[in-house]
Amino acid sequence: MQELLQAAVTSANIVYTTLLVMVIFYWITVLLGALDASSLDFDFDMDVDANVDIDMDTDVDVDADSSGFSVAGALGFFNFGKIPFMILMSILIFSMWMISIVANHYMPGGGAVLFALMLFFPNLAVGLIITKIVSTPLIPVFKDYRSNGVEEIDFIGLVCTLKMSAMIGQISQATVTHDGNPVLVTIQADQKSGALQKGQEVLIIGKTDNLKYFKVKAIEN
């Protein structure tokens, strides 16, 4: 055990060890109730759509469309969007930490900073594969979880608080209180609202045509 701890804090492994400690701290705060398990969850459909909108504004429609779909496909392949983000990141970071510890201990050149830098991308690739293998059996569990979650709750008419600024028609995220708990929802700014600022309270007025996002508008004073 002492040998493992010494290896964990070497310069070649310290970055992965730091990330692992942060993940452990996160789950401790969740278990203690100080942090909600979905507080760092992300809607990856929202992220891709936002990137496409930004790129289209700069008149590179074809590149934006192909880039968005390739990113969405890659994230979906590794189960992002199907399983809570922090569960996937916990598996990935632990996998990369273990690979780094073993590789730097047994492989020639191991322990050197240059070796650790060269190892990063192979480590990431193997870590993602391990993450997919380990997380795939969990998809049905979280499919049921998500089917009983935000999509089936009627938030229309409630006030939510923006977590990110949003221009006209742009996709963003906001928090709305449901049964006394903050819930993260994906929203689209109404065409008549103008620019909305982070931290601003807005009113949920309906859902978009594809039923994926909630439409919001600024609250009139």
C-alpha atoms as a PDB file:
ATOM      1  CA  MET A   1       0.000   0.000   0.000  1.00  0.00           C
ATOM      2  CA  GLN A   2       2.804   2.403   0.864  1.00  0.00           C
ATOM      3  CA  GLU A   3       4.457   1.632  -2.465  1.00  0.00           C
ATOM      4  CA  LEU A   4       1.196   2.419  -4.292  1.00  0.00           C
ATOM      5  CA  LEU A   5       0.820   5.731  -2.463  1.00  0.00           C
ATOM      6  CA  GLN A   6       4.404   6.679  -3.324  1.00  0.00           C
ATOM      7  CA  ALA A   7       3.782   5.846  -6.982  1.00  0.00           C
ATOM      8  CA  ALA A   8       0.538   7.854  -6.979  1.00  0.00           C
ATOM      9  CA  VAL A   9       2.260  11.099  -5.990  1.00  0.00           C
ATOM     10  CA  THR A  10       5.164  10.892  -8.431  1.00  0.00           C
ATOM     11  CA  SER A  11       5.333  13.548 -11.140  1.00  0.00           C
ATOM     12  CA  ALA A  12       4.276  11.013 -13.782  1.00  0.00           C
ATOM     13  CA  ASN A  13       1.043  10.116 -11.948  1.00  0.00           C
ATOM     14  CA  ILE A  14       0.185  13.187  -9.885  1.00  0.00           C
ATOM     15  CA  VAL A  15      -2.282  14.654 -12.418  1.00  0.00           C
ATOM     16  CA  TYR A  16      -4.359  11.455 -12.499  1.00  0.00           C
ATOM     17  CA  THR A  17      -4.128  11.142  -8.716  1.00  0.00           C
ATOM     18  CA  THR A  18      -5.398  14.716  -8.297  1.00  0.00           C
ATOM     19  CA  LEU A  19      -8.350  14.036 -10.609  1.00  0.00           C
ATOM     20  CA  LEU A  20      -9.125  10.818  -8.737  1.00  0.00           C
ATOM     21  CA  VAL A  21      -9.074  12.650  -5.387  1.00  0.00           C
ATOM     22  CA  MET A  22     -11.486  15.239  -6.827  1.00  0.00           C
ATOM     23  CA  VAL A  23     -13.826  12.469  -7.990  1.00  0.00           C
ATOM     24  CA  ILE A  24     -13.714  10.785  -4.569  1.00  0.00           C
ATOM     25  CA  PHE A  25     -14.415  14.130  -2.884  1.00  0.00           C
ATOM     26  CA  TYR A  26     -17.364  14.687  -5.239  1.00  0.00           C
ATOM     27  CA  TRP A  27     -18.961  11.340  -4.348  1.00  0.00           C
ATOM     28  CA  ILE A  28     -18.362  11.916  -0.641  1.00  0.00           C
ATOM     29  CA  THR A  29     -20.246  15.241  -0.860  1.00  0.00           C
ATOM     30  CA  VAL A  30     -23.054  13.489  -2.756  1.00  0.00           C
ATOM     31  CA  LEU A  31     -23.296  10.760  -0.090  1.00  0.00           C
ATOM     32  CA  LEU A  32     -23.365  13.397   2.649  1.00  0.00           C
ATOM     33  CA  GLY A  33     -26.130  15.259   0.817  1.00  0.00           C
ATOM     34  CA  ALA A  34     -24.079  18.420   0.330  1.00  0.00           C
ATOM     35  CA  LEU A  35     -24.243  18.081  -3.460  1.00  0.00           C
ATOM     36  CA  ASP A  36     -26.894  16.727  -5.795  1.00  0.00           C
ATOM     37  CA  ALA A  37     -25.826  13.756  -7.934  1.00  0.00           C
ATOM     38  CA  SER A  38     -27.079  15.506 -11.093  1.00  0.00           C
ATOM     39  CA  SER A  39     -25.419  18.844 -10.334  1.00  0.00           C
ATOM     40  CA  LEU A  40     -22.598  18.205 -12.818  1.00  0.00           C
ATOM     41  CA  ASP A  41     -24.682  16.376 -15.389  1.00  0.00           C
ATOM     42  CA  PHE A  42     -24.763  17.741 -18.940  1.00  0.00           C
ATOM     43  CA  ASP A  43     -27.148  17.532 -21.863  1.00  0.00           C
ATOM     44  CA  PHE A  44     -24.824  16.571 -24.710  1.00  0.00           C
ATOM     45  CA  ASP A  45     -27.531  17.152 -27.315  1.00  0.00           C
ATOM     46  CA  MET A  46     -27.612  20.733 -26.093  1.00  0.00           C
ATOM     47  CA  ASP A  47     -23.844  21.075 -26.360  1.00  0.00           C
ATOM     48  CA  VAL A  48     -23.773  19.821 -29.943  1.00  0.00           C
ATOM     49  CA  ASP A  49     -26.716  21.977 -31.032  1.00  0.00           C
ATOM     50  CA  ALA A  50     -25.133  25.034 -29.461  1.00  0.00           C
ATOM     51  CA  ASN A  51     -21.880  24.420 -31.333  1.00  0.00           C
ATOM     52  CA  VAL A  52     -23.757  24.047 -34.606  1.00  0.00           C
ATOM     53  CA  ASP A  53     -25.630  27.306 -34.045  1.00  0.00           C
ATOM     54  CA  ILE A  54     -22.421  29.191 -33.305  1.00  0.00           C
ATOM     55  CA  ASP A  55     -20.652  27.791 -36.360  1.00  0.00           C
ATOM     56  CA  MET A  56     -23.612  28.532 -38.625  1.00  0.00           C
ATOM     57  CA  ASP A  57     -23.485  32.166 -37.577  1.00  0.00           C
ATOM     58  CA  THR A  58     -19.992  32.338 -39.064  1.00  0.00           C
ATOM     59  CA  ASP A  59     -21.263  30.953 -42.425  1.00  0.00           C
ATOM     60  CA  VAL A  60     -19.614  27.543 -42.338  1.00  0.00           C
ATOM     61  CA  ASP A  61     -22.838  25.537 -42.393  1.00  0.00           C
ATOM     62  CA  VAL A  62     -21.444  22.323 -43.886  1.00  0.00           C
ATOM     63  CA  ASP A  63     -18.493  22.103 -41.516  1.00  0.00           C
ATOM     64  CA  ALA A  64     -20.668  22.850 -38.509  1.00  0.00           C
ATOM     65  CA  ASP A  65     -23.186  20.203 -39.421  1.00  0.00           C
ATOM     66  CA  SER A  66     -20.632  17.472 -40.022  1.00  0.00           C
ATOM     67  CA  SER A  67     -18.620  18.456 -36.932  1.00  0.00           C
ATOM     68  CA  GLY A  68     -21.709  18.416 -34.741  1.00  0.00           C
ATOM     69  CA  PHE A  69     -22.793  14.963 -35.879  1.00  0.00           C
ATOM     70  CA  SER A  70     -19.308  13.500 -35.493  1.00  0.00           C
ATOM     71  CA  VAL A  71     -19.026  14.845 -31.951  1.00  0.00           C
ATOM     72  CA  ALA A  72     -22.506  13.586 -31.096  1.00  0.00           C
ATOM     73  CA  GLY A  73     -21.692  10.156 -32.548  1.00  0.00           C
ATOM     74  CA  ALA A  74     -18.419   9.880 -30.623  1.00  0.00           C
ATOM     75  CA  LEU A  75     -20.027  10.925 -27.336  1.00  0.00           C
ATOM     76  CA  GLY A  76     -22.943   8.568 -27.887  1.00  0.00           C
ATOM     77  CA  PHE A  77     -20.617   5.654 -28.686  1.00  0.00           C
ATOM     78  CA  PHE A  78     -18.929   6.042 -25.294  1.00  0.00           C
ATOM     79  CA  ASN A  79     -22.360   6.291 -23.587  1.00  0.00           C
ATOM     80  CA  PHE A  80     -22.232  10.020 -22.837  1.00  0.00           C
ATOM     81  CA  GLY A  81     -25.804  11.251 -22.644  1.00  0.00           C
ATOM     82  CA  LYS A  82     -27.030   7.750 -21.778  1.00  0.00           C
ATOM     83  CA  ILE A  83     -25.509   7.586 -18.282  1.00  0.00           C
ATOM     84  CA  PRO A  84     -24.907  10.460 -15.806  1.00  0.00           C
ATOM     85  CA  PHE A  85     -21.755  12.371 -16.714  1.00  0.00           C
ATOM     86  CA  MET A  86     -19.989  11.976 -13.369  1.00  0.00           C
ATOM     87  CA  ILE A  87     -20.419   8.202 -13.336  1.00  0.00           C
ATOM     88  CA  LEU A  88     -18.718   7.977 -16.730  1.00  0.00           C
ATOM     89  CA  MET A  89     -15.990  10.418 -15.687  1.00  0.00           C
ATOM     90  CA  SER A  90     -15.384   8.477 -12.475  1.00  0.00           C
ATOM     91  CA  ILE A  91     -14.890   5.251 -14.426  1.00  0.00           C
ATOM     92  CA  LEU A  92     -12.671   7.002 -16.991  1.00  0.00           C
ATOM     93  CA  ILE A  93     -10.463   8.781 -14.448  1.00  0.00           C
ATOM     94  CA  PHE A  94     -10.036   5.658 -12.297  1.00  0.00           C
ATOM     95  CA  SER A  95      -9.161   3.627 -15.416  1.00  0.00           C
ATOM     96  CA  MET A  96      -6.590   6.195 -16.589  1.00  0.00           C
ATOM     97  CA  TRP A  97      -5.109   6.377 -13.080  1.00  0.00           C
ATOM     98  CA  MET A  98      -4.655   2.609 -12.916  1.00  0.00           C
ATOM     99  CA  ILE A  99      -3.176   2.459 -16.442  1.00  0.00           C
ATOM    100  CA  SER A 100      -0.734   5.245 -15.583  1.00  0.00           C
ATOM    101  CA  ILE A 101       0.343   3.583 -12.330  1.00  0.00           C
ATOM    102  CA  VAL A 102       0.951   0.216 -14.013  1.00  0.00           C
ATOM    103  CA  ALA A 103       2.598   1.618 -17.158  1.00  0.00           C
ATOM    104  CA  ASN A 104       4.954   3.913 -15.261  1.00  0.00           C
ATOM    105  CA  HIS A 105       5.954   1.069 -12.963  1.00  0.00           C
ATOM    106  CA  TYR A 106       6.554  -1.717 -15.479  1.00  0.00           C
ATOM    107  CA  MET A 107       7.309  -0.137 -18.863  1.00  0.00           C
ATOM    108  CA  PRO A 108      10.796   1.043 -19.927  1.00  0.00           C
ATOM    109  CA  GLY A 109      11.088   4.779 -19.409  1.00  0.00           C
ATOM    110  CA  GLY A 110       8.249   4.731 -16.915  1.00  0.00           C
ATOM    111  CA  GLY A 111       8.287   7.419 -14.247  1.00  0.00           C
ATOM    112  CA  ALA A 112       9.665  10.137 -16.512  1.00  0.00           C
ATOM    113  CA  VAL A 113       7.487  13.175 -17.228  1.00  0.00           C
ATOM    114  CA  LEU A 114       8.128  12.875 -20.981  1.00  0.00           C
ATOM    115  CA  PHE A 115       6.967   9.258 -20.889  1.00  0.00           C
ATOM    116  CA  ALA A 116       3.822  10.317 -19.020  1.00  0.00           C
ATOM    117  CA  LEU A 117       3.067  12.962 -21.663  1.00  0.00           C
ATOM    118  CA  MET A 118       3.543  10.464 -24.494  1.00  0.00           C
ATOM    119  CA  LEU A 119       1.301   8.010 -22.656  1.00  0.00           C
ATOM    120  CA  PHE A 120      -1.634  10.426 -22.310  1.00  0.00           C
ATOM    121  CA  PHE A 121      -3.476   9.812 -25.587  1.00  0.00           C
ATOM    122  CA  PRO A 122      -3.027   6.005 -25.582  1.00  0.00           C
ATOM    123  CA  ASN A 123      -4.127   6.070 -21.948  1.00  0.00           C
ATOM    124  CA  LEU A 124      -7.193   8.142 -22.834  1.00  0.00           C
ATOM    125  CA  ALA A 125      -8.119   5.809 -25.705  1.00  0.00           C
ATOM    126  CA  VAL A 126      -7.857   2.670 -23.557  1.00  0.00           C
ATOM    127  CA  GLY A 127      -9.637   4.425 -20.684  1.00  0.00           C
ATOM    128  CA  LEU A 128     -12.575   5.324 -22.943  1.00  0.00           C
ATOM    129  CA  ILE A 129     -12.848   1.730 -24.147  1.00  0.00           C
ATOM    130  CA  ILE A 130     -12.845   0.469 -20.550  1.00  0.00           C
ATOM    131  CA  THR A 131     -15.446   3.105 -19.669  1.00  0.00           C
ATOM    132  CA  LYS A 132     -17.717   1.926 -22.494  1.00  0.00           C
ATOM    133  CA  ILE A 133     -17.346  -1.748 -21.498  1.00  0.00           C
ATOM    134  CA  VAL A 134     -18.015  -1.094 -17.805  1.00  0.00           C
ATOM    135  CA  SER A 135     -20.856   1.397 -18.321  1.00  0.00           C
ATOM    136  CA  THR A 136     -22.822  -0.341 -21.093  1.00  0.00           C
ATOM    137  CA  PRO A 137     -24.589  -2.785 -18.699  1.00  0.00           C
ATOM    138  CA  LEU A 138     -25.768   0.267 -16.706  1.00  0.00           C
ATOM    139  CA  ILE A 139     -27.648   1.859 -19.627  1.00  0.00           C
ATOM    140  CA  PRO A 140     -30.991   0.087 -18.932  1.00  0.00           C
ATOM    141  CA  VAL A 141     -30.842   1.218 -15.297  1.00  0.00           C
ATOM    142  CA  PHE A 142     -30.410   4.867 -16.198  1.00  0.00           C
ATOM    143  CA  LYS A 143     -32.841   4.623 -19.110  1.00  0.00           C
ATOM    144  CA  ASP A 144     -35.540   3.890 -16.533  1.00  0.00           C
ATOM    145  CA  TYR A 145     -34.153   6.661 -14.338  1.00  0.00           C
ATOM    146  CA  ARG A 146     -34.288   9.220 -17.145  1.00  0.00           C
ATOM    147  CA  SER A 147     -37.717   8.107 -18.325  1.00  0.00           C
ATOM    148  CA  ASN A 148     -39.029   9.014 -14.860  1.00  0.00           C
ATOM    149  CA  GLY A 149     -37.106  12.277 -14.808  1.00  0.00           C
ATOM    150  CA  VAL A 150     -37.211  15.723 -16.292  1.00  0.00           C
ATOM    151  CA  GLU A 151     -38.897  14.889 -19.604  1.00  0.00           C
ATOM    152  CA  GLU A 152     -42.141  13.760 -17.946  1.00  0.00           C
ATOM    153  CA  ILE A 153     -42.425  16.598 -15.453  1.00  0.00           C
ATOM    154  CA  ASP A 154     -44.602  19.519 -16.543  1.00  0.00           C
ATOM    155  CA  PHE A 155     -42.530  22.631 -15.849  1.00  0.00           C
ATOM    156  CA  ILE A 156     -44.635  24.922 -18.060  1.00  0.00           C
ATOM    157  CA  GLY A 157     -45.616  28.066 -16.171  1.00  0.00           C
ATOM    158  CA  LEU A 158     -42.752  27.784 -13.661  1.00  0.00           C
ATOM    159  CA  VAL A 159     -39.873  30.218 -13.209  1.00  0.00           C
ATOM    160  CA  CYS A 160     -36.325  28.950 -13.781  1.00  0.00           C
ATOM    161  CA  THR A 161     -32.850  30.464 -13.406  1.00  0.00           C
ATOM    162  CA  LEU A 162     -30.394  30.449 -16.292  1.00  0.00           C
ATOM    163  CA  LYS A 163     -27.059  28.697 -15.731  1.00  0.00           C
ATOM    164  CA  MET A 164     -25.658  30.117 -18.992  1.00  0.00           C
ATOM    165  CA  SER A 165     -26.428  33.173 -21.100  1.00  0.00           C
ATOM    166  CA  ALA A 166     -28.543  32.622 -24.221  1.00  0.00           C
ATOM    167  CA  MET A 167     -29.056  34.681 -27.346  1.00  0.00           C
ATOM    168  CA  ILE A 168     -32.344  34.681 -29.305  1.00  0.00           C
ATOM    169  CA  GLY A 169     -33.294  31.107 -30.205  1.00  0.00           C
ATOM    170  CA  GLN A 170     -30.139  29.658 -28.630  1.00  0.00           C
ATOM    171  CA  ILE A 171     -30.077  26.482 -26.526  1.00  0.00           C
ATOM    172  CA  SER A 172     -28.975  26.817 -22.891  1.00  0.00           C
ATOM    173  CA  GLN A 173     -29.591  25.273 -19.475  1.00  0.00           C
ATOM    174  CA  ALA A 174     -31.470  26.434 -16.410  1.00  0.00           C
ATOM    175  CA  THR A 175     -32.500  25.188 -12.988  1.00  0.00           C
ATOM    176  CA  VAL A 176     -36.106  24.925 -11.873  1.00  0.00           C
ATOM    177  CA  THR A 177     -37.337  23.902  -8.433  1.00  0.00           C
ATOM    178  CA  HIS A 178     -39.469  20.748  -8.324  1.00  0.00           C
ATOM    179  CA  ASP A 179     -40.660  19.251  -5.030  1.00  0.00           C
ATOM    180  CA  GLY A 180     -38.167  21.480  -3.243  1.00  0.00           C
ATOM    181  CA  ASN A 181     -35.190  20.251  -5.289  1.00  0.00           C
ATOM    182  CA  PRO A 182     -33.344  22.067  -8.096  1.00  0.00           C
ATOM    183  CA  VAL A 183     -33.686  20.261 -11.446  1.00  0.00           C
ATOM    184  CA  LEU A 184     -31.509  20.950 -14.488  1.00  0.00           C
ATOM    185  CA  VAL A 185     -33.498  21.517 -17.707  1.00  0.00           C
ATOM    186  CA  THR A 186     -32.492  22.349 -21.265  1.00  0.00           C
ATOM    187  CA  ILE A 187     -34.153  25.484 -22.589  1.00  0.00           C
ATOM    188  CA  GLN A 188     -34.382  27.591 -25.724  1.00  0.00           C
ATOM    189  CA  ALA A 189     -34.723  31.363 -25.583  1.00  0.00           C
ATOM    190  CA  ASP A 190     -37.950  32.606 -27.172  1.00  0.00           C
ATOM    191  CA  GLN A 191     -37.518  34.650 -30.346  1.00  0.00           C
ATOM    192  CA  LYS A 192     -39.217  37.653 -28.715  1.00  0.00           C
ATOM    193  CA  SER A 193     -37.195  37.601 -25.492  1.00  0.00           C
ATOM    194  CA  GLY A 194     -33.927  39.047 -26.728  1.00  0.00           C
ATOM    195  CA  ALA A 195     -30.643  38.089 -25.094  1.00  0.00           C
ATOM    196  CA  LEU A 196     -30.935  36.361 -21.714  1.00  0.00           C
ATOM    197  CA  GLN A 197     -28.187  36.603 -19.098  1.00  0.00           C
ATOM    198  CA  LYS A 198     -26.700  33.996 -16.764  1.00  0.00           C
ATOM    199  CA  GLY A 199     -28.504  34.086 -13.408  1.00  0.00           C
ATOM    200  CA  GLN A 200     -31.611  35.724 -14.904  1.00  0.00           C
ATOM    201  CA  GLU A 201     -35.011  34.350 -13.931  1.00  0.00           C
ATOM    202  CA  VAL A 202     -37.184  33.431 -16.928  1.00  0.00           C
ATOM    203  CA  LEU A 203     -40.608  31.873 -17.419  1.00  0.00           C
ATOM    204  CA  ILE A 204     -41.106  28.452 -19.017  1.00  0.00           C
ATOM    205  CA  ILE A 205     -43.851  28.973 -21.618  1.00  0.00           C
ATOM    206  CA  GLY A 206     -43.912  25.665 -23.522  1.00  0.00           C
ATOM    207  CA  LYS A 207     -41.814  23.135 -25.403  1.00  0.00           C
ATOM    208  CA  THR A 208     -40.028  23.349 -28.725  1.00  0.00           C
ATOM    209  CA  ASP A 209     -41.488  21.703 -31.839  1.00  0.00           C
ATOM    210  CA  ASN A 210     -39.243  18.643 -31.415  1.00  0.00           C
ATOM    211  CA  LEU A 211     -40.295  18.407 -27.727  1.00  0.00           C
ATOM    212  CA  LYS A 212     -36.636  18.190 -26.661  1.00  0.00           C
ATOM    213  CA  TYR A 213     -36.328  21.596 -24.945  1.00  0.00           C
ATOM    214  CA  PHE A 214     -38.417  23.980 -22.879  1.00  0.00           C
ATOM    215  CA  LYS A 215     -39.102  27.416 -24.380  1.00  0.00           C
ATOM    216  CA  VAL A 216     -38.574  30.346 -22.047  1.00  0.00           C
ATOM    217  CA  LYS A 217     -39.126  34.084 -22.163  1.00  0.00           C
ATOM    218  CA  ALA A 218     -37.952  36.986 -20.053  1.00  0.00           C
ATOM    219  CA  ILE A 219     -40.192  37.949 -17.143  1.00  0.00           C
ATOM    220  CA  GLU A 220     -41.720  41.354 -17.714  1.00  0.00           C
ATOM    221  CA  ASN A 221     -41.365  43.761 -14.827  1.00  0.00           C
END
